[in-house]
Amino acid sequence: MKHVTSFIPLTGIVLVLFSQSLFAAEILVDDFADADKVNALEGEWSYYDDGIGSGKNERLQAKTDIGIQGSKVNVSSAPKQLPTGGFDYNIKVYTFNAQDVDGEQYAYMPFTFGSKWQDSTGAIEAFVGISTSLSADGQPMDLTDYSGVKFKIKSANHDLKVTFMIETADVEADSMYAYHQRVFNVAMGTWNEIAIPLAGLAQPLWTPDTAKKAFDPTKAVRLTWQVSLSKNPGLEEMASDEIDIDDVVLTDAPIAVVNDRISISSHQSAFKAVYHDGIVKLEGESINAITKGIVRLFNANGKIVYTHRIAAATDMQNTFTGKRLPNGLYFVQVDGIGNDHGNITMRSSLFVAK
C-alpha cells in the first residue's frame, strides 16, 4: 500500500509519553507497493513455523506417525535439509507472498496451528511467524536514534494476540530465542495501527538467567511478528487464520508507552523513585511485593540509561546503584513477579537536580 504519514498509537492505558522533536525522521521499511520480498533496506521477508526440536527423535516431523502435526504457513514451500548435531532434518522454506487486493498491497501470512508437543526442554507451543531482515547481508542495524516501530496489521478470522520482536545479534548468538518483545491485540477484519516503543520491549519471563540481556539497539537484525497458540486460548489446535501487515516504519517520533501486557497482581499501587549521588531508591509497599524481575531507567527521550535485574526478593533491597545522571526528568519501570505469582508492571517518574 502507498505509505501514509498519519498514525494512531497502540491503544491502551497511556502511562508515559516520551517527548522528542516534533520534526522526527522516519524510515519506511516497506509499504509493499512493489509486492516483492525485498524491503527498502534490502532485507528480505520470510516465514517460519514451529518445526524445531533439540534431538533427532524430538523433531516434530518425526512424530507425525503418532498424530503430532506441525503448524504451517499456507503458502508454497520447498524442503531444505540441515545437518545439525550429527543428523539431518528437513525444514520448510516458504515462498513469501504479498497480496494485491483492489490496488491495495500488503504482506500476508495465512496459517494453521499444529499440535502442542513435548521435547527435552519441556512443553512446546504451536506457533508461526513472519520476519523481515534489516539489511541484505544480515549485518545489524543501529536503532539508537529511533524511538520505535510503527505498522498496520489485521487478522482475518479471530481477534488475536500477536508478539512483536526485535531480534538482535547478541540474543541470536546464544540460541535461546529470548528476543526482546511486546504482545499486543489485533482486532479482526480491520486495520489496526500499532506503534511499539523500543523502551517497551522486554525479554520473556521464561528467559534463563544465563541468557538475560539488556536490549541493545545497535545490534538489531530482524523485525518479527509471531502468533502463538498459547497466547490465544480461545483457539484450538488446527485452527486457521491470517495476519496481514502493511506500512512498516522506523520512527523517532514520540510513542506512548502503554500497559497492554498482563498485569494481574493486587500490588500495583504507585511507588516513588528518589535519586542521590548515583543511588536510586524505590519507596513504597508495592515495590516490596517484587520477588524477581527487572528495573529499567529511561531518560526523557525514551532511551534506556540503566538496567538492574532482580534475581530474588533479597536482591531488591529497594535501592540499586546506577550511573551518575545529568539533571533532568527520567522514568523508572519495574517489571516483575509478585508474591502472589502475578505479573507486575509499575512505572514512576524521577527528577534529578543537583
Protein backbone atom coordinates (compact mmCIF):
# COMPACT_ATOMS: atom_id res chain seq x y z
CA MET A 1 0.00 0.00 0.00
CA LYS A 2 1.12 3.56 -0.58
CA HIS A 3 2.72 4.84 2.62
CA VAL A 4 0.66 7.14 4.81
CA THR A 5 2.13 9.50 7.39
CA SER A 6 -0.74 9.71 9.87
CA PHE A 7 -0.60 7.20 12.70
CA ILE A 8 -2.57 6.34 15.83
CA PRO A 9 -0.53 4.91 18.75
CA LEU A 10 -1.28 1.47 20.16
CA THR A 11 -4.49 1.66 22.14
CA GLY A 12 -4.34 1.07 25.89
CA ILE A 13 -3.69 2.87 29.13
CA VAL A 14 -1.17 5.60 28.43
CA LEU A 15 1.35 5.75 31.25
CA VAL A 16 4.30 7.73 29.92
CA LEU A 17 4.82 9.85 26.83
CA PHE A 18 8.45 10.35 25.93
CA SER A 19 8.72 13.76 24.27
CA GLN A 20 11.04 14.29 21.32
CA SER A 21 11.41 16.59 18.35
CA LEU A 22 8.21 17.37 16.53
CA PHE A 23 10.14 17.04 13.28
CA ALA A 24 11.02 13.35 13.60
CA ALA A 25 12.78 11.38 10.92
CA GLU A 26 11.28 8.13 9.69
CA ILE A 27 12.47 5.21 7.58
CA LEU A 28 9.83 3.38 5.57
CA VAL A 29 10.88 -0.26 5.83
CA ASP A 30 8.15 -1.48 3.45
CA ASP A 31 4.76 -0.49 2.09
CA PHE A 32 4.68 -3.45 -0.36
CA ALA A 33 3.97 -1.20 -3.35
CA ASP A 34 6.33 -3.42 -5.37
CA ALA A 35 4.70 -6.59 -3.95
CA ASP A 36 8.04 -8.42 -3.62
CA LYS A 37 10.02 -9.95 -0.75
CA VAL A 38 12.73 -7.25 -0.54
CA ASN A 39 12.18 -4.27 1.77
CA ALA A 40 13.55 -0.72 1.41
CA LEU A 41 16.61 -1.68 3.49
CA GLU A 42 17.34 -4.52 1.03
CA GLY A 43 16.49 -7.13 3.63
CA GLU A 44 14.09 -9.96 2.80
CA TRP A 45 10.76 -11.07 4.21
CA SER A 46 10.31 -14.70 5.28
CA TYR A 47 8.00 -17.04 7.19
CA TYR A 48 8.80 -19.68 9.80
CA ASP A 49 6.94 -22.35 11.77
CA ASP A 50 7.38 -24.49 14.90
CA GLY A 51 9.34 -27.28 13.21
CA ILE A 52 12.09 -27.15 15.83
CA GLY A 53 13.50 -29.59 18.35
CA SER A 54 16.68 -30.47 20.20
CA GLY A 55 17.17 -34.11 19.19
CA LYS A 56 16.63 -36.49 16.27
CA ASN A 57 13.63 -38.21 17.82
CA GLU A 58 12.23 -34.98 19.25
CA ARG A 59 11.63 -33.34 15.91
CA LEU A 60 8.00 -32.54 15.43
CA GLN A 61 8.22 -34.03 11.94
CA ALA A 62 9.35 -37.36 13.43
CA LYS A 63 6.12 -37.66 15.41
CA THR A 64 3.60 -37.45 12.59
CA ASP A 65 3.04 -41.19 12.89
CA ILE A 66 1.53 -40.67 16.36
CA GLY A 67 -0.76 -37.82 15.35
CA ILE A 68 1.52 -34.86 16.09
CA GLN A 69 1.19 -32.23 13.37
CA GLY A 70 3.29 -29.15 12.91
CA SER A 71 1.97 -25.64 12.42
CA LYS A 72 2.27 -24.36 8.86
CA VAL A 73 2.07 -21.23 6.78
CA ASN A 74 -0.39 -21.90 3.99
CA VAL A 75 1.78 -20.82 1.05
CA SER A 76 4.03 -22.82 -1.25
CA SER A 77 7.24 -24.20 0.27
CA ALA A 78 10.24 -26.37 -0.54
CA PRO A 79 12.08 -28.76 1.79
CA LYS A 80 15.61 -27.99 2.88
CA GLN A 81 17.88 -30.43 4.71
CA LEU A 82 20.03 -29.08 7.53
CA PRO A 83 22.84 -31.13 9.11
CA THR A 84 22.75 -30.49 12.86
CA GLY A 85 24.24 -32.40 15.77
CA GLY A 86 25.32 -35.35 13.67
CA PHE A 87 21.97 -35.94 11.96
CA ASP A 88 19.98 -34.37 9.16
CA TYR A 89 16.49 -32.98 9.31
CA ASN A 90 14.21 -31.13 6.94
CA ILE A 91 12.68 -27.70 7.33
CA LYS A 92 10.27 -25.84 5.08
CA VAL A 93 11.49 -22.84 3.11
CA TYR A 94 8.35 -20.85 2.42
CA THR A 95 7.75 -18.58 -0.56
CA PHE A 96 6.92 -15.09 0.68
CA ASN A 97 3.76 -13.53 -0.72
CA ALA A 98 2.32 -10.04 -0.85
CA GLN A 99 -1.37 -9.55 -1.55
CA ASP A 100 -2.79 -7.10 -4.07
CA VAL A 101 -6.48 -6.56 -3.40
CA ASP A 102 -8.13 -3.81 -5.43
CA GLY A 103 -4.82 -1.99 -5.72
CA GLU A 104 -4.00 -2.36 -2.02
CA GLN A 105 -0.72 -4.20 -1.45
CA TYR A 106 0.38 -5.75 1.85
CA ALA A 107 2.20 -8.77 3.29
CA TYR A 108 0.04 -11.66 4.36
CA MET A 109 0.54 -14.86 6.33
CA PRO A 110 -2.27 -17.45 6.14
CA PHE A 111 -1.58 -20.19 8.68
CA THR A 112 -2.89 -23.25 10.51
CA PHE A 113 -1.81 -24.05 14.05
CA GLY A 114 -0.47 -27.54 14.67
CA SER A 115 -0.33 -29.71 17.78
CA LYS A 116 1.44 -29.00 21.02
CA TRP A 117 4.25 -31.43 21.72
CA GLN A 118 6.94 -32.33 24.21
CA ASP A 119 10.71 -32.38 23.83
CA SER A 120 13.61 -32.50 26.26
CA THR A 121 13.18 -28.82 27.11
CA GLY A 122 9.53 -29.24 28.11
CA ALA A 123 6.17 -28.47 26.53
CA ILE A 124 6.47 -26.70 23.17
CA GLU A 125 3.72 -24.46 21.89
CA ALA A 126 2.37 -24.20 18.37
CA PHE A 127 3.42 -21.02 16.55
CA VAL A 128 4.12 -19.39 13.20
CA GLY A 129 5.84 -16.14 12.34
CA ILE A 130 6.78 -13.59 9.69
CA SER A 131 10.07 -11.66 9.73
CA THR A 132 11.95 -9.07 7.74
CA SER A 133 15.71 -8.53 7.84
CA LEU A 134 17.12 -5.04 8.34
CA SER A 135 19.95 -5.48 5.84
CA ALA A 136 20.79 -7.51 2.75
CA ASP A 137 23.76 -9.31 4.31
CA GLY A 138 22.40 -9.92 7.81
CA GLN A 139 24.57 -7.25 9.41
CA PRO A 140 22.97 -5.48 12.41
CA MET A 141 21.30 -2.09 12.06
CA ASP A 142 21.77 0.58 14.73
CA LEU A 143 18.36 1.72 16.01
CA THR A 144 19.76 4.06 18.67
CA ASP A 145 18.24 7.15 17.06
CA TYR A 146 14.76 5.62 16.75
CA SER A 147 12.01 5.53 19.36
CA GLY A 148 10.09 2.59 17.92
CA VAL A 149 8.38 0.75 15.09
CA LYS A 150 5.00 1.57 13.56
CA PHE A 151 2.92 -0.66 11.32
CA LYS A 152 -0.60 -1.66 10.32
CA ILE A 153 -1.88 -5.17 10.97
CA LYS A 154 -5.16 -7.09 10.77
CA SER A 155 -6.40 -10.65 11.19
CA ALA A 156 -9.00 -12.45 9.09
CA ASN A 157 -11.00 -14.79 11.34
CA HIS A 158 -10.29 -14.10 15.02
CA ASP A 159 -9.20 -11.37 17.37
CA LEU A 160 -5.58 -12.31 18.06
CA LYS A 161 -2.70 -11.60 20.40
CA VAL A 162 0.48 -11.14 18.39
CA THR A 163 4.05 -10.95 19.69
CA PHE A 164 6.27 -8.33 18.07
CA MET A 165 10.01 -8.94 18.48
CA ILE A 166 13.19 -7.17 17.51
CA GLU A 167 15.78 -9.87 17.01
CA THR A 168 19.28 -8.78 17.96
CA ALA A 169 22.62 -10.38 17.12
CA ASP A 170 23.63 -10.90 20.76
CA VAL A 171 20.45 -12.80 21.66
CA GLU A 172 20.61 -14.74 18.40
CA ALA A 173 24.14 -15.88 19.22
CA ASP A 174 23.13 -17.62 22.46
CA SER A 175 20.46 -19.74 20.65
CA MET A 176 17.86 -19.21 23.40
CA TYR A 177 15.49 -17.11 21.23
CA ALA A 178 14.67 -14.84 24.18
CA TYR A 179 14.27 -11.80 21.93
CA HIS A 180 13.03 -8.51 23.33
CA GLN A 181 9.34 -8.35 22.58
CA ARG A 182 5.90 -6.95 23.21
CA VAL A 183 2.46 -8.57 22.96
CA PHE A 184 -0.43 -6.57 21.51
CA ASN A 185 -4.04 -7.15 20.46
CA VAL A 186 -5.25 -7.33 16.85
CA ALA A 187 -8.93 -6.89 16.03
CA MET A 188 -10.07 -8.99 13.09
CA GLY A 189 -11.30 -7.58 9.81
CA THR A 190 -9.93 -4.06 10.22
CA TRP A 191 -6.53 -2.42 10.04
CA ASN A 192 -5.04 -1.86 13.50
CA GLU A 193 -2.47 0.95 13.56
CA ILE A 194 0.21 -0.05 16.06
CA ALA A 195 3.20 1.83 17.48
CA ILE A 196 5.69 -0.20 19.53
CA PRO A 197 8.23 1.82 21.57
CA LEU A 198 11.72 0.36 21.89
CA ALA A 199 11.52 1.36 25.54
CA GLY A 200 8.57 -1.01 25.99
CA LEU A 201 10.38 -4.16 24.79
CA ALA A 202 11.41 -6.85 27.28
CA GLN A 203 12.65 -10.41 27.21
CA PRO A 204 10.03 -13.05 28.11
CA LEU A 205 9.76 -14.08 31.75
CA TRP A 206 10.98 -17.59 30.92
CA THR A 207 14.39 -16.24 29.85
CA PRO A 208 17.15 -18.24 31.61
CA ASP A 209 19.48 -16.21 33.81
CA THR A 210 22.37 -17.05 31.51
CA ALA A 211 20.53 -15.52 28.52
CA LYS A 212 19.27 -12.31 30.12
CA LYS A 213 20.48 -9.20 28.34
CA ALA A 214 19.55 -5.55 28.18
CA PHE A 215 18.11 -4.56 24.82
CA ASP A 216 20.96 -3.39 22.58
CA PRO A 217 19.55 -1.17 19.80
CA THR A 218 22.89 -1.26 17.95
CA LYS A 219 22.50 -4.98 17.16
CA ALA A 220 19.04 -5.18 15.54
CA VAL A 221 18.89 -7.73 12.72
CA ARG A 222 15.19 -8.52 12.17
CA LEU A 223 11.65 -7.38 12.90
CA THR A 224 9.35 -10.31 13.67
CA TRP A 225 5.64 -10.90 14.24
CA GLN A 226 4.74 -14.24 15.85
CA VAL A 227 1.33 -15.80 16.51
CA SER A 228 1.30 -18.46 19.24
CA LEU A 229 -1.48 -20.81 20.24
CA SER A 230 -0.65 -20.43 23.94
CA LYS A 231 -1.29 -16.66 23.80
CA ASN A 232 -4.66 -17.21 22.10
CA PRO A 233 -6.51 -19.60 24.45
CA GLY A 234 -9.77 -19.07 22.56
CA LEU A 235 -8.31 -21.01 19.63
CA GLU A 236 -7.68 -24.72 19.38
CA GLU A 237 -5.14 -26.93 17.66
CA MET A 238 -5.62 -26.96 13.87
CA ALA A 239 -7.31 -23.52 13.94
CA SER A 240 -6.63 -21.37 10.86
CA ASP A 241 -6.35 -17.63 10.41
CA GLU A 242 -4.36 -14.98 8.54
CA ILE A 243 -2.49 -11.85 9.54
CA ASP A 244 -1.78 -9.00 7.12
CA ILE A 245 0.94 -6.36 7.64
CA ASP A 246 1.47 -3.02 5.90
CA ASP A 247 3.30 0.33 6.18
CA VAL A 248 6.20 -0.76 8.43
CA VAL A 249 8.11 2.30 9.63
CA LEU A 250 11.08 3.02 11.92
CA THR A 251 10.41 6.31 13.68
CA ASP A 252 11.90 8.67 16.25
CA ALA A 253 8.57 10.40 16.77
CA PRO A 254 7.04 10.29 20.29
CA ILE A 255 5.41 6.96 21.11
CA ALA A 256 3.28 6.39 24.18
CA VAL A 257 4.38 3.57 26.47
CA VAL A 258 1.21 1.68 27.32
CA ASN A 259 0.42 -1.12 29.72
CA ASP A 260 -1.11 -3.69 27.39
CA ARG A 261 0.71 -6.64 28.93
CA ILE A 262 -0.61 -8.91 31.67
CA SER A 263 -0.84 -7.07 34.95
CA ILE A 264 -2.94 -9.08 37.40
CA SER A 265 -1.32 -8.52 40.79
CA SER A 266 -3.01 -6.64 43.60
CA HIS A 267 0.32 -4.86 44.23
CA GLN A 268 0.01 -2.19 41.57
CA SER A 269 -0.07 0.93 43.69
CA ALA A 270 2.37 3.68 42.74
CA PHE A 271 5.89 3.82 44.13
CA LYS A 272 8.30 6.71 44.45
CA ALA A 273 11.80 6.86 42.94
CA VAL A 274 14.46 9.00 44.66
CA TYR A 275 17.97 9.70 43.32
CA HIS A 276 21.08 10.85 45.19
CA ASP A 277 24.72 10.68 44.11
CA GLY A 278 24.39 7.66 41.82
CA ILE A 279 21.96 5.75 44.05
CA VAL A 280 18.33 5.17 43.07
CA LYS A 281 15.95 4.30 45.90
CA LEU A 282 12.47 2.91 45.26
CA GLU A 283 9.98 3.61 48.04
CA GLY A 284 6.51 2.20 48.66
CA GLU A 285 4.84 -1.02 49.77
CA SER A 286 4.21 -2.11 46.19
CA ILE A 287 7.93 -2.39 45.45
CA ASN A 288 8.37 -4.81 48.35
CA ALA A 289 6.00 -7.22 46.62
CA ILE A 290 8.51 -7.92 43.82
CA THR A 291 10.22 -11.31 44.14
CA LYS A 292 12.14 -11.12 40.86
CA GLY A 293 12.14 -9.09 37.69
CA ILE A 294 13.88 -6.10 36.16
CA VAL A 295 14.17 -2.36 36.84
CA ARG A 296 14.82 -0.03 33.89
CA LEU A 297 15.67 3.66 33.99
CA PHE A 298 14.76 5.73 30.89
CA ASN A 299 15.71 9.27 30.01
CA ALA A 300 13.11 11.73 28.71
CA ASN A 301 13.75 10.57 25.12
CA GLY A 302 12.78 7.02 25.96
CA LYS A 303 16.32 5.63 25.84
CA ILE A 304 17.39 3.08 28.47
CA VAL A 305 20.21 4.51 30.59
CA TYR A 306 20.41 1.79 33.27
CA THR A 307 19.10 -1.72 33.90
CA HIS A 308 19.03 -3.62 37.21
CA ARG A 309 17.92 -7.25 37.41
CA ILE A 310 16.17 -8.63 40.47
CA ALA A 311 17.03 -12.35 40.71
CA ALA A 312 15.31 -12.89 44.08
CA ALA A 313 13.39 -10.95 46.70
CA THR A 314 16.57 -10.47 48.70
CA ASP A 315 18.19 -8.69 45.74
CA MET A 316 15.63 -5.89 45.71
CA GLN A 317 16.74 -4.04 48.84
CA ASN A 318 14.71 -1.08 47.50
CA THR A 319 17.92 0.51 46.19
CA PHE A 320 20.34 -0.02 43.35
CA THR A 321 23.49 1.71 42.21
CA GLY A 322 23.18 3.38 38.85
CA LYS A 323 25.36 5.75 36.89
CA ARG A 324 25.62 9.41 37.81
CA LEU A 325 22.81 11.11 35.96
CA PRO A 326 22.66 14.55 34.36
CA ASN A 327 19.92 16.86 35.59
CA GLY A 328 16.53 16.20 34.06
CA LEU A 329 13.42 14.04 34.00
CA TYR A 330 13.68 10.23 34.00
CA PHE A 331 11.24 7.35 34.21
CA VAL A 332 11.58 4.13 36.20
CA GLN A 333 9.82 0.97 35.04
CA VAL A 334 9.62 -2.21 37.13
CA ASP A 335 8.54 -5.49 35.50
CA GLY A 336 8.45 -8.50 37.76
CA ILE A 337 6.66 -11.30 39.54
CA GLY A 338 4.89 -10.60 42.81
CA ASN A 339 4.49 -12.62 45.99
CA ASP A 340 1.16 -13.85 44.63
CA HIS A 341 2.93 -15.04 41.43
CA GLY A 342 1.12 -12.46 39.33
CA ASN A 343 2.93 -10.35 36.74
CA ILE A 344 3.52 -6.75 37.79
CA THR A 345 4.31 -3.68 35.69
CA MET A 346 4.81 -0.37 37.53
CA ARG A 347 6.22 2.97 36.48
CA SER A 348 7.22 6.17 38.24
CA SER A 349 8.92 9.41 37.31
CA LEU A 350 12.26 10.58 38.70
CA PHE A 351 13.58 14.13 38.62
CA VAL A 352 17.31 14.67 39.05
CA ALA A 353 18.55 18.11 40.14
CA LYS A 354 21.95 18.73 41.71
